[in-house]
Amino acid sequence: MDYTEIILAVIAVIGAVVTGVLIPWIKSKMDEGQLAKLDFWLRIFIAAAETAYGSGMGQEKKAYVIAKIKALGFDFDDEIVSDAIEALCRELTAEDIINNDAEE
């Protein structure tokens, strides 16, 4: 049985939920400047983690990014930051900025 279509559908649903629910919720909790600052630092730390850890090791890279974000003083639930990291990783991968092969 080929699960490819099911997996792609699940990924699409997760992406829709992140885009439709999570991102607006985060935006409501932050002003525009804070959101821009978070996005800026997430991009830098994701790229740094990708360089430091290479392909794979997704959990280690995510832990690195979360630790760096917390060190800057961003105080969010780890799950929220984790979801934001995954959404941004998908975006950066789609833009071919990072290579997200075999992440998890």
PDB file of N, CA and C in Angstrom:
ATOM      1  N   MET A   1       0.838  -1.177   0.000  1.00  0.00           N
ATOM      2  CA  MET A   1       0.000   0.000   0.000  1.00  0.00           C
ATOM      3  C   MET A   1       0.886   1.244   0.000  1.00  0.00           C
ATOM      4  N   ASP A   2       0.569   2.183  -0.857  1.00  0.00           N
ATOM      5  CA  ASP A   2       1.347   3.413  -0.978  1.00  0.00           C
ATOM      6  C   ASP A   2       0.761   4.487  -0.062  1.00  0.00           C
ATOM      7  N   TYR A   3       1.555   4.902   0.904  1.00  0.00           N
ATOM      8  CA  TYR A   3       1.106   5.890   1.879  1.00  0.00           C
ATOM      9  C   TYR A   3       1.494   7.314   1.504  1.00  0.00           C
ATOM     10  N   THR A   4       2.102   7.491   0.357  1.00  0.00           N
ATOM     11  CA  THR A   4       2.595   8.800  -0.046  1.00  0.00           C
ATOM     12  C   THR A   4       1.479   9.842  -0.062  1.00  0.00           C
ATOM     13  N   GLU A   5       0.361   9.517  -0.673  1.00  0.00           N
ATOM     14  CA  GLU A   5      -0.739  10.481  -0.762  1.00  0.00           C
ATOM     15  C   GLU A   5      -1.303  10.812   0.617  1.00  0.00           C
ATOM     16  N   ILE A   6      -1.372   9.828   1.489  1.00  0.00           N
ATOM     17  CA  ILE A   6      -1.877  10.063   2.837  1.00  0.00           C
ATOM     18  C   ILE A   6      -0.923  10.974   3.595  1.00  0.00           C
ATOM     19  N   ILE A   7       0.366  10.705   3.477  1.00  0.00           N
ATOM     20  CA  ILE A   7       1.373  11.528   4.155  1.00  0.00           C
ATOM     21  C   ILE A   7       1.329  12.952   3.627  1.00  0.00           C
ATOM     22  N   LEU A   8       1.218  13.118   2.315  1.00  0.00           N
ATOM     23  CA  LEU A   8       1.142  14.458   1.737  1.00  0.00           C
ATOM     24  C   LEU A   8      -0.108  15.192   2.195  1.00  0.00           C
ATOM     25  N   ALA A   9      -1.215  14.481   2.320  1.00  0.00           N
ATOM     26  CA  ALA A   9      -2.450  15.095   2.804  1.00  0.00           C
ATOM     27  C   ALA A   9      -2.309  15.530   4.255  1.00  0.00           C
ATOM     28  N   VAL A  10      -1.675  14.698   5.073  1.00  0.00           N
ATOM     29  CA  VAL A  10      -1.467  15.047   6.485  1.00  0.00           C
ATOM     30  C   VAL A  10      -0.567  16.273   6.588  1.00  0.00           C
ATOM     31  N   ILE A  11       0.487  16.312   5.802  1.00  0.00           N
ATOM     32  CA  ILE A  11       1.388  17.469   5.804  1.00  0.00           C
ATOM     33  C   ILE A  11       0.634  18.730   5.390  1.00  0.00           C
ATOM     34  N   ALA A  12      -0.226  18.615   4.381  1.00  0.00           N
ATOM     35  CA  ALA A  12      -1.014  19.768   3.933  1.00  0.00           C
ATOM     36  C   ALA A  12      -1.950  20.253   5.033  1.00  0.00           C
ATOM     37  N   VAL A  13      -2.565  19.327   5.746  1.00  0.00           N
ATOM     38  CA  VAL A  13      -3.468  19.708   6.842  1.00  0.00           C
ATOM     39  C   VAL A  13      -2.686  20.382   7.960  1.00  0.00           C
ATOM     40  N   ILE A  14      -1.534  19.835   8.306  1.00  0.00           N
ATOM     41  CA  ILE A  14      -0.696  20.442   9.353  1.00  0.00           C
ATOM     42  C   ILE A  14      -0.272  21.843   8.927  1.00  0.00           C
ATOM     43  N   GLY A  15       0.135  21.988   7.679  1.00  0.00           N
ATOM     44  CA  GLY A  15       0.517  23.306   7.168  1.00  0.00           C
ATOM     45  C   GLY A  15      -0.626  24.300   7.225  1.00  0.00           C
ATOM     46  N   ALA A  16      -1.830  23.841   6.897  1.00  0.00           N
ATOM     47  CA  ALA A  16      -3.003  24.717   6.946  1.00  0.00           C
ATOM     48  C   ALA A  16      -3.308  25.137   8.378  1.00  0.00           C
ATOM     49  N   VAL A  17      -3.191  24.205   9.308  1.00  0.00           N
ATOM     50  CA  VAL A  17      -3.448  24.531  10.717  1.00  0.00           C
ATOM     51  C   VAL A  17      -2.413  25.530  11.222  1.00  0.00           C
ATOM     52  N   VAL A  18      -1.147  25.291  10.904  1.00  0.00           N
ATOM     53  CA  VAL A  18      -0.089  26.204  11.335  1.00  0.00           C
ATOM     54  C   VAL A  18      -0.327  27.585  10.746  1.00  0.00           C
ATOM     55  N   THR A  19      -0.639  27.642   9.466  1.00  0.00           N
ATOM     56  CA  THR A  19      -0.851  28.913   8.795  1.00  0.00           C
ATOM     57  C   THR A  19      -2.131  29.594   9.259  1.00  0.00           C
ATOM     58  N   GLY A  20      -3.195  28.818   9.422  1.00  0.00           N
ATOM     59  CA  GLY A  20      -4.493  29.399   9.751  1.00  0.00           C
ATOM     60  C   GLY A  20      -4.731  29.656  11.219  1.00  0.00           C
ATOM     61  N   VAL A  21      -4.072  28.921  12.110  1.00  0.00           N
ATOM     62  CA  VAL A  21      -4.344  29.043  13.540  1.00  0.00           C
ATOM     63  C   VAL A  21      -3.117  29.522  14.307  1.00  0.00           C
ATOM     64  N   LEU A  22      -2.022  28.813  14.179  1.00  0.00           N
ATOM     65  CA  LEU A  22      -0.848  29.102  15.005  1.00  0.00           C
ATOM     66  C   LEU A  22      -0.249  30.474  14.710  1.00  0.00           C
ATOM     67  N   ILE A  23       0.003  30.769  13.460  1.00  0.00           N
ATOM     68  CA  ILE A  23       0.629  32.042  13.112  1.00  0.00           C
ATOM     69  C   ILE A  23      -0.246  33.228  13.535  1.00  0.00           C
ATOM     70  N   PRO A  24      -1.563  33.224  13.249  1.00  0.00           N
ATOM     71  CA  PRO A  24      -2.394  34.337  13.745  1.00  0.00           C
ATOM     72  C   PRO A  24      -2.405  34.439  15.269  1.00  0.00           C
ATOM     73  N   TRP A  25      -2.382  33.301  15.960  1.00  0.00           N
ATOM     74  CA  TRP A  25      -2.371  33.335  17.426  1.00  0.00           C
ATOM     75  C   TRP A  25      -1.080  33.970  17.933  1.00  0.00           C
ATOM     76  N   ILE A  26       0.051  33.581  17.356  1.00  0.00           N
ATOM     77  CA  ILE A  26       1.330  34.174  17.763  1.00  0.00           C
ATOM     78  C   ILE A  26       1.318  35.670  17.467  1.00  0.00           C
ATOM     79  N   LYS A  27       0.806  36.054  16.300  1.00  0.00           N
ATOM     80  CA  LYS A  27       0.749  37.469  15.950  1.00  0.00           C
ATOM     81  C   LYS A  27      -0.095  38.258  16.943  1.00  0.00           C
ATOM     82  N   SER A  28      -1.163  37.656  17.439  1.00  0.00           N
ATOM     83  CA  SER A  28      -2.028  38.362  18.390  1.00  0.00           C
ATOM     84  C   SER A  28      -1.323  38.571  19.727  1.00  0.00           C
ATOM     85  N   LYS A  29      -0.345  37.745  20.044  1.00  0.00           N
ATOM     86  CA  LYS A  29       0.373  37.837  21.311  1.00  0.00           C
ATOM     87  C   LYS A  29       1.599  38.748  21.234  1.00  0.00           C
ATOM     88  N   MET A  30       1.947  39.173  20.041  1.00  0.00           N
ATOM     89  CA  MET A  30       3.151  39.974  19.866  1.00  0.00           C
ATOM     90  C   MET A  30       2.830  41.205  19.037  1.00  0.00           C
ATOM     91  N   ASP A  31       3.545  42.294  19.293  1.00  0.00           N
ATOM     92  CA  ASP A  31       3.387  43.424  18.400  1.00  0.00           C
ATOM     93  C   ASP A  31       4.243  43.179  17.156  1.00  0.00           C
ATOM     94  N   GLU A  32       4.087  44.022  16.176  1.00  0.00           N
ATOM     95  CA  GLU A  32       4.769  43.813  14.892  1.00  0.00           C
ATOM     96  C   GLU A  32       6.292  43.787  15.028  1.00  0.00           C
ATOM     97  N   GLY A  33       6.827  44.631  15.887  1.00  0.00           N
ATOM     98  CA  GLY A  33       8.276  44.669  16.088  1.00  0.00           C
ATOM     99  C   GLY A  33       8.808  43.387  16.708  1.00  0.00           C
ATOM    100  N   GLN A  34       8.087  42.869  17.716  1.00  0.00           N
ATOM    101  CA  GLN A  34       8.503  41.622  18.354  1.00  0.00           C
ATOM    102  C   GLN A  34       8.429  40.463  17.373  1.00  0.00           C
ATOM    103  N   LEU A  35       7.371  40.440  16.561  1.00  0.00           N
ATOM    104  CA  LEU A  35       7.215  39.371  15.582  1.00  0.00           C
ATOM    105  C   LEU A  35       8.341  39.407  14.554  1.00  0.00           C
ATOM    106  N   ALA A  36       8.676  40.591  14.084  1.00  0.00           N
ATOM    107  CA  ALA A  36       9.778  40.729  13.120  1.00  0.00           C
ATOM    108  C   ALA A  36      11.098  40.291  13.741  1.00  0.00           C
ATOM    109  N   LYS A  37      11.291  40.651  15.012  1.00  0.00           N
ATOM    110  CA  LYS A  37      12.528  40.269  15.712  1.00  0.00           C
ATOM    111  C   LYS A  37      12.605  38.753  15.877  1.00  0.00           C
ATOM    112  N   LEU A  38      11.483  38.123  16.274  1.00  0.00           N
ATOM    113  CA  LEU A  38      11.457  36.668  16.417  1.00  0.00           C
ATOM    114  C   LEU A  38      11.753  35.994  15.083  1.00  0.00           C
ATOM    115  N   ASP A  39      11.098  36.453  14.019  1.00  0.00           N
ATOM    116  CA  ASP A  39      11.326  35.873  12.691  1.00  0.00           C
ATOM    117  C   ASP A  39      12.790  36.026  12.281  1.00  0.00           C
ATOM    118  N   PHE A  40      13.353  37.199  12.504  1.00  0.00           N
ATOM    119  CA  PHE A  40      14.756  37.466  12.165  1.00  0.00           C
ATOM    120  C   PHE A  40      15.679  36.473  12.860  1.00  0.00           C
ATOM    121  N   TRP A  41      15.515  36.338  14.191  1.00  0.00           N
ATOM    122  CA  TRP A  41      16.399  35.464  14.949  1.00  0.00           C
ATOM    123  C   TRP A  41      16.157  33.986  14.638  1.00  0.00           C
ATOM    124  N   LEU A  42      14.899  33.609  14.429  1.00  0.00           N
ATOM    125  CA  LEU A  42      14.636  32.208  14.062  1.00  0.00           C
ATOM    126  C   LEU A  42      15.358  31.849  12.773  1.00  0.00           C
ATOM    127  N   ARG A  43      15.300  32.723  11.779  1.00  0.00           N
ATOM    128  CA  ARG A  43      15.977  32.457  10.503  1.00  0.00           C
ATOM    129  C   ARG A  43      17.485  32.288  10.705  1.00  0.00           C
ATOM    130  N   ILE A  44      18.074  33.161  11.505  1.00  0.00           N
ATOM    131  CA  ILE A  44      19.515  33.079  11.749  1.00  0.00           C
ATOM    132  C   ILE A  44      19.869  31.792  12.484  1.00  0.00           C
ATOM    133  N   PHE A  45      19.124  31.483  13.545  1.00  0.00           N
ATOM    134  CA  PHE A  45      19.447  30.297  14.336  1.00  0.00           C
ATOM    135  C   PHE A  45      19.158  29.005  13.577  1.00  0.00           C
ATOM    136  N   ILE A  46      18.125  28.990  12.746  1.00  0.00           N
ATOM    137  CA  ILE A  46      17.853  27.801  11.925  1.00  0.00           C
ATOM    138  C   ILE A  46      18.991  27.590  10.936  1.00  0.00           C
ATOM    139  N   ALA A  47      19.443  28.650  10.289  1.00  0.00           N
ATOM    140  CA  ALA A  47      20.564  28.533   9.350  1.00  0.00           C
ATOM    141  C   ALA A  47      21.838  28.108  10.077  1.00  0.00           C
ATOM    142  N   ALA A  48      22.061  28.647  11.267  1.00  0.00           N
ATOM    143  CA  ALA A  48      23.246  28.267  12.047  1.00  0.00           C
ATOM    144  C   ALA A  48      23.183  26.800  12.450  1.00  0.00           C
ATOM    145  N   ALA A  49      22.006  26.347  12.871  1.00  0.00           N
ATOM    146  CA  ALA A  49      21.852  24.942  13.255  1.00  0.00           C
ATOM    147  C   ALA A  49      22.062  24.037  12.053  1.00  0.00           C
ATOM    148  N   GLU A  50      21.555  24.441  10.904  1.00  0.00           N
ATOM    149  CA  GLU A  50      21.727  23.651   9.686  1.00  0.00           C
ATOM    150  C   GLU A  50      23.209  23.535   9.338  1.00  0.00           C
ATOM    151  N   THR A  51      23.942  24.627   9.493  1.00  0.00           N
ATOM    152  CA  THR A  51      25.377  24.618   9.207  1.00  0.00           C
ATOM    153  C   THR A  51      26.135  23.770  10.229  1.00  0.00           C
ATOM    154  N   ALA A  52      25.794  23.916  11.494  1.00  0.00           N
ATOM    155  CA  ALA A  52      26.511  23.213  12.557  1.00  0.00           C
ATOM    156  C   ALA A  52      26.230  21.719  12.568  1.00  0.00           C
ATOM    157  N   TYR A  53      24.983  21.332  12.339  1.00  0.00           N
ATOM    158  CA  TYR A  53      24.597  19.931  12.478  1.00  0.00           C
ATOM    159  C   TYR A  53      24.474  19.195  11.147  1.00  0.00           C
ATOM    160  N   GLY A  54      24.317  19.928  10.040  1.00  0.00           N
ATOM    161  CA  GLY A  54      24.174  19.279   8.738  1.00  0.00           C
ATOM    162  C   GLY A  54      22.815  18.645   8.559  1.00  0.00           C
ATOM    163  N   SER A  55      22.725  17.752   7.607  1.00  0.00           N
ATOM    164  CA  SER A  55      21.468  17.092   7.272  1.00  0.00           C
ATOM    165  C   SER A  55      21.060  16.133   8.385  1.00  0.00           C
ATOM    166  N   GLY A  56      19.757  16.049   8.614  1.00  0.00           N
ATOM    167  CA  GLY A  56      19.256  15.181   9.677  1.00  0.00           C
ATOM    168  C   GLY A  56      19.391  15.860  11.029  1.00  0.00           C
ATOM    169  N   MET A  57      19.343  15.078  12.098  1.00  0.00           N
ATOM    170  CA  MET A  57      19.491  15.578  13.457  1.00  0.00           C
ATOM    171  C   MET A  57      18.498  16.690  13.780  1.00  0.00           C
ATOM    172  N   GLY A  58      17.280  16.546  13.282  1.00  0.00           N
ATOM    173  CA  GLY A  58      16.258  17.574  13.437  1.00  0.00           C
ATOM    174  C   GLY A  58      15.978  17.958  14.871  1.00  0.00           C
ATOM    175  N   GLN A  59      15.909  16.980  15.763  1.00  0.00           N
ATOM    176  CA  GLN A  59      15.610  17.281  17.164  1.00  0.00           C
ATOM    177  C   GLN A  59      16.736  18.073  17.820  1.00  0.00           C
ATOM    178  N   GLU A  60      17.967  17.738  17.499  1.00  0.00           N
ATOM    179  CA  GLU A  60      19.101  18.462  18.060  1.00  0.00           C
ATOM    180  C   GLU A  60      19.122  19.900  17.552  1.00  0.00           C
ATOM    181  N   LYS A  61      18.844  20.067  16.264  1.00  0.00           N
ATOM    182  CA  LYS A  61      18.817  21.409  15.694  1.00  0.00           C
ATOM    183  C   LYS A  61      17.699  22.233  16.316  1.00  0.00           C
ATOM    184  N   LYS A  62      16.536  21.611  16.498  1.00  0.00           N
ATOM    185  CA  LYS A  62      15.400  22.322  17.091  1.00  0.00           C
ATOM    186  C   LYS A  62      15.730  22.730  18.528  1.00  0.00           C
ATOM    187  N   ALA A  63      16.342  21.839  19.294  1.00  0.00           N
ATOM    188  CA  ALA A  63      16.723  22.155  20.675  1.00  0.00           C
ATOM    189  C   ALA A  63      17.714  23.318  20.705  1.00  0.00           C
ATOM    190  N   TYR A  64      18.635  23.332  19.770  1.00  0.00           N
ATOM    191  CA  TYR A  64      19.612  24.419  19.659  1.00  0.00           C
ATOM    192  C   TYR A  64      18.903  25.749  19.423  1.00  0.00           C
ATOM    193  N   VAL A  65      17.973  25.760  18.462  1.00  0.00           N
ATOM    194  CA  VAL A  65      17.249  26.994  18.132  1.00  0.00           C
ATOM    195  C   VAL A  65      16.414  27.464  19.321  1.00  0.00           C
ATOM    196  N   ILE A  66      15.710  26.553  19.976  1.00  0.00           N
ATOM    197  CA  ILE A  66      14.891  26.921  21.134  1.00  0.00           C
ATOM    198  C   ILE A  66      15.761  27.505  22.245  1.00  0.00           C
ATOM    199  N   ALA A  67      16.909  26.897  22.493  1.00  0.00           N
ATOM    200  CA  ALA A  67      17.810  27.411  23.527  1.00  0.00           C
ATOM    201  C   ALA A  67      18.295  28.818  23.187  1.00  0.00           C
ATOM    202  N   LYS A  68      18.628  29.043  21.938  1.00  0.00           N
ATOM    203  CA  LYS A  68      19.107  30.358  21.511  1.00  0.00           C
ATOM    204  C   LYS A  68      18.005  31.412  21.624  1.00  0.00           C
ATOM    205  N   ILE A  69      16.779  31.047  21.241  1.00  0.00           N
ATOM    206  CA  ILE A  69      15.647  31.981  21.328  1.00  0.00           C
ATOM    207  C   ILE A  69      15.381  32.339  22.792  1.00  0.00           C
ATOM    208  N   LYS A  70      15.410  31.344  23.659  1.00  0.00           N
ATOM    209  CA  LYS A  70      15.195  31.611  25.090  1.00  0.00           C
ATOM    210  C   LYS A  70      16.317  32.475  25.662  1.00  0.00           C
ATOM    211  N   ALA A  71      17.549  32.261  25.199  1.00  0.00           N
ATOM    212  CA  ALA A  71      18.680  33.056  25.679  1.00  0.00           C
ATOM    213  C   ALA A  71      18.518  34.535  25.316  1.00  0.00           C
ATOM    214  N   LEU A  72      17.784  34.802  24.230  1.00  0.00           N
ATOM    215  CA  LEU A  72      17.524  36.186  23.841  1.00  0.00           C
ATOM    216  C   LEU A  72      16.401  36.821  24.662  1.00  0.00           C
ATOM    217  N   GLY A  73      15.704  36.003  25.444  1.00  0.00           N
ATOM    218  CA  GLY A  73      14.651  36.543  26.286  1.00  0.00           C
ATOM    219  C   GLY A  73      13.242  36.326  25.773  1.00  0.00           C
ATOM    220  N   PHE A  74      13.083  35.626  24.653  1.00  0.00           N
ATOM    221  CA  PHE A  74      11.742  35.293  24.179  1.00  0.00           C
ATOM    222  C   PHE A  74      11.184  34.237  25.124  1.00  0.00           C
ATOM    223  N   ASP A  75      10.016  34.511  25.665  1.00  0.00           N
ATOM    224  CA  ASP A  75       9.430  33.619  26.656  1.00  0.00           C
ATOM    225  C   ASP A  75       8.129  33.028  26.116  1.00  0.00           C
ATOM    226  N   PHE A  76       8.263  31.940  25.370  1.00  0.00           N
ATOM    227  CA  PHE A  76       7.120  31.246  24.807  1.00  0.00           C
ATOM    228  C   PHE A  76       7.184  29.786  25.199  1.00  0.00           C
ATOM    229  N   ASP A  77       6.049  29.147  25.181  1.00  0.00           N
ATOM    230  CA  ASP A  77       5.964  27.717  25.393  1.00  0.00           C
ATOM    231  C   ASP A  77       6.819  27.016  24.332  1.00  0.00           C
ATOM    232  N   ASP A  78       7.572  25.994  24.741  1.00  0.00           N
ATOM    233  CA  ASP A  78       8.442  25.269  23.808  1.00  0.00           C
ATOM    234  C   ASP A  78       7.675  24.720  22.614  1.00  0.00           C
ATOM    235  N   GLU A  79       6.459  24.270  22.827  1.00  0.00           N
ATOM    236  CA  GLU A  79       5.666  23.699  21.731  1.00  0.00           C
ATOM    237  C   GLU A  79       5.324  24.759  20.688  1.00  0.00           C
ATOM    238  N   ILE A  80       5.025  25.966  21.134  1.00  0.00           N
ATOM    239  CA  ILE A  80       4.712  27.049  20.200  1.00  0.00           C
ATOM    240  C   ILE A  80       5.947  27.411  19.388  1.00  0.00           C
ATOM    241  N   VAL A  81       7.079  27.556  20.061  1.00  0.00           N
ATOM    242  CA  VAL A  81       8.320  27.869  19.347  1.00  0.00           C
ATOM    243  C   VAL A  81       8.683  26.721  18.415  1.00  0.00           C
ATOM    244  N   SER A  82       8.486  25.487  18.858  1.00  0.00           N
ATOM    245  CA  SER A  82       8.769  24.320  18.031  1.00  0.00           C
ATOM    246  C   SER A  82       7.928  24.338  16.755  1.00  0.00           C
ATOM    247  N   ASP A  83       6.642  24.642  16.888  1.00  0.00           N
ATOM    248  CA  ASP A  83       5.771  24.714  15.703  1.00  0.00           C
ATOM    249  C   ASP A  83       6.196  25.846  14.775  1.00  0.00           C
ATOM    250  N   ALA A  84       6.576  26.980  15.347  1.00  0.00           N
ATOM    251  CA  ALA A  84       7.043  28.102  14.529  1.00  0.00           C
ATOM    252  C   ALA A  84       8.329  27.733  13.797  1.00  0.00           C
ATOM    253  N   ILE A  85       9.217  27.008  14.459  1.00  0.00           N
ATOM    254  CA  ILE A  85      10.464  26.566  13.832  1.00  0.00           C
ATOM    255  C   ILE A  85      10.155  25.635  12.665  1.00  0.00           C
ATOM    256  N   GLU A  86       9.269  24.676  12.880  1.00  0.00           N
ATOM    257  CA  GLU A  86       8.922  23.740  11.803  1.00  0.00           C
ATOM    258  C   GLU A  86       8.293  24.455  10.617  1.00  0.00           C
ATOM    259  N   ALA A  87       7.410  25.406  10.886  1.00  0.00           N
ATOM    260  CA  ALA A  87       6.785  26.158   9.802  1.00  0.00           C
ATOM    261  C   ALA A  87       7.832  26.958   9.029  1.00  0.00           C
ATOM    262  N   LEU A  88       8.734  27.592   9.739  1.00  0.00           N
ATOM    263  CA  LEU A  88       9.778  28.376   9.088  1.00  0.00           C
ATOM    264  C   LEU A  88      10.755  27.472   8.339  1.00  0.00           C
ATOM    265  N   CYS A  89      11.049  26.288   8.885  1.00  0.00           N
ATOM    266  CA  CYS A  89      11.918  25.339   8.169  1.00  0.00           C
ATOM    267  C   CYS A  89      11.284  24.920   6.850  1.00  0.00           C
ATOM    268  N   ARG A  90       9.980  24.666   6.875  1.00  0.00           N
ATOM    269  CA  ARG A  90       9.294  24.316   5.617  1.00  0.00           C
ATOM    270  C   ARG A  90       9.396  25.461   4.621  1.00  0.00           C
ATOM    271  N   GLU A  91       9.223  26.689   5.106  1.00  0.00           N
ATOM    272  CA  GLU A  91       9.318  27.854   4.237  1.00  0.00           C
ATOM    273  C   GLU A  91      10.727  28.008   3.679  1.00  0.00           C
ATOM    274  N   LEU A  92      11.732  27.889   4.539  1.00  0.00           N
ATOM    275  CA  LEU A  92      13.119  28.035   4.090  1.00  0.00           C
ATOM    276  C   LEU A  92      13.534  26.909   3.146  1.00  0.00           C
ATOM    277  N   THR A  93      13.004  25.712   3.370  1.00  0.00           N
ATOM    278  CA  THR A  93      13.281  24.596   2.475  1.00  0.00           C
ATOM    279  C   THR A  93      12.635  24.838   1.112  1.00  0.00           C
ATOM    280  N   ALA A  94      11.389  25.308   1.121  1.00  0.00           N
ATOM    281  CA  ALA A  94      10.692  25.602  -0.135  1.00  0.00           C
ATOM    282  C   ALA A  94      11.414  26.697  -0.919  1.00  0.00           C
ATOM    283  N   GLU A  95      12.004  27.645  -0.198  1.00  0.00           N
ATOM    284  CA  GLU A  95      12.767  28.718  -0.838  1.00  0.00           C
ATOM    285  C   GLU A  95      14.182  28.274  -1.191  1.00  0.00           C
ATOM    286  N   ASP A  96      14.517  27.013  -0.895  1.00  0.00           N
ATOM    287  CA  ASP A  96      15.822  26.415  -1.160  1.00  0.00           C
ATOM    288  C   ASP A  96      16.951  27.137  -0.420  1.00  0.00           C
ATOM    289  N   ILE A  97      16.618  27.695   0.754  1.00  0.00           N
ATOM    290  CA  ILE A  97      17.623  28.346   1.587  1.00  0.00           C
ATOM    291  C   ILE A  97      18.336  27.320   2.458  1.00  0.00           C
ATOM    292  N   ILE A  98      17.564  26.345   2.953  1.00  0.00           N
ATOM    293  CA  ILE A  98      18.156  25.235   3.679  1.00  0.00           C
ATOM    294  C   ILE A  98      17.713  23.944   3.023  1.00  0.00           C
ATOM    295  N   ASN A  99      18.458  22.882   3.276  1.00  0.00           N
ATOM    296  CA  ASN A  99      18.112  21.567   2.784  1.00  0.00           C
ATOM    297  C   ASN A  99      17.573  20.783   3.955  1.00  0.00           C
ATOM    298  N   ASN A 100      16.298  20.482   3.932  1.00  0.00           N
ATOM    299  CA  ASN A 100      15.627  19.862   5.066  1.00  0.00           C
ATOM    300  C   ASN A 100      15.426  18.370   4.865  1.00  0.00           C
ATOM    301  N   ASP A 101      16.286  17.706   4.089  1.00  0.00           N
ATOM    302  CA  ASP A 101      16.158  16.264   3.833  1.00  0.00           C
ATOM    303  C   ASP A 101      16.379  15.494   5.113  1.00  0.00           C
ATOM    304  N   ALA A 102      15.552  14.488   5.349  1.00  0.00           N
ATOM    305  CA  ALA A 102      15.693  13.548   6.469  1.00  0.00           C
ATOM    306  C   ALA A 102      15.797  14.261   7.804  1.00  0.00           C
ATOM    307  N   GLU A 103      14.945  15.254   8.038  1.00  0.00           N
ATOM    308  CA  GLU A 103      14.997  16.020   9.271  1.00  0.00           C
ATOM    309  C   GLU A 103      14.645  15.214  10.489  1.00  0.00           C
ATOM    310  N   GLU A 104      13.524  14.578  10.507  1.00  0.00           N
ATOM    311  CA  GLU A 104      13.074  13.921  11.735  1.00  0.00           C
ATOM    312  C   GLU A 104      13.406  12.477  11.744  1.00  0.00           C
TER     313      GLU A 104
END
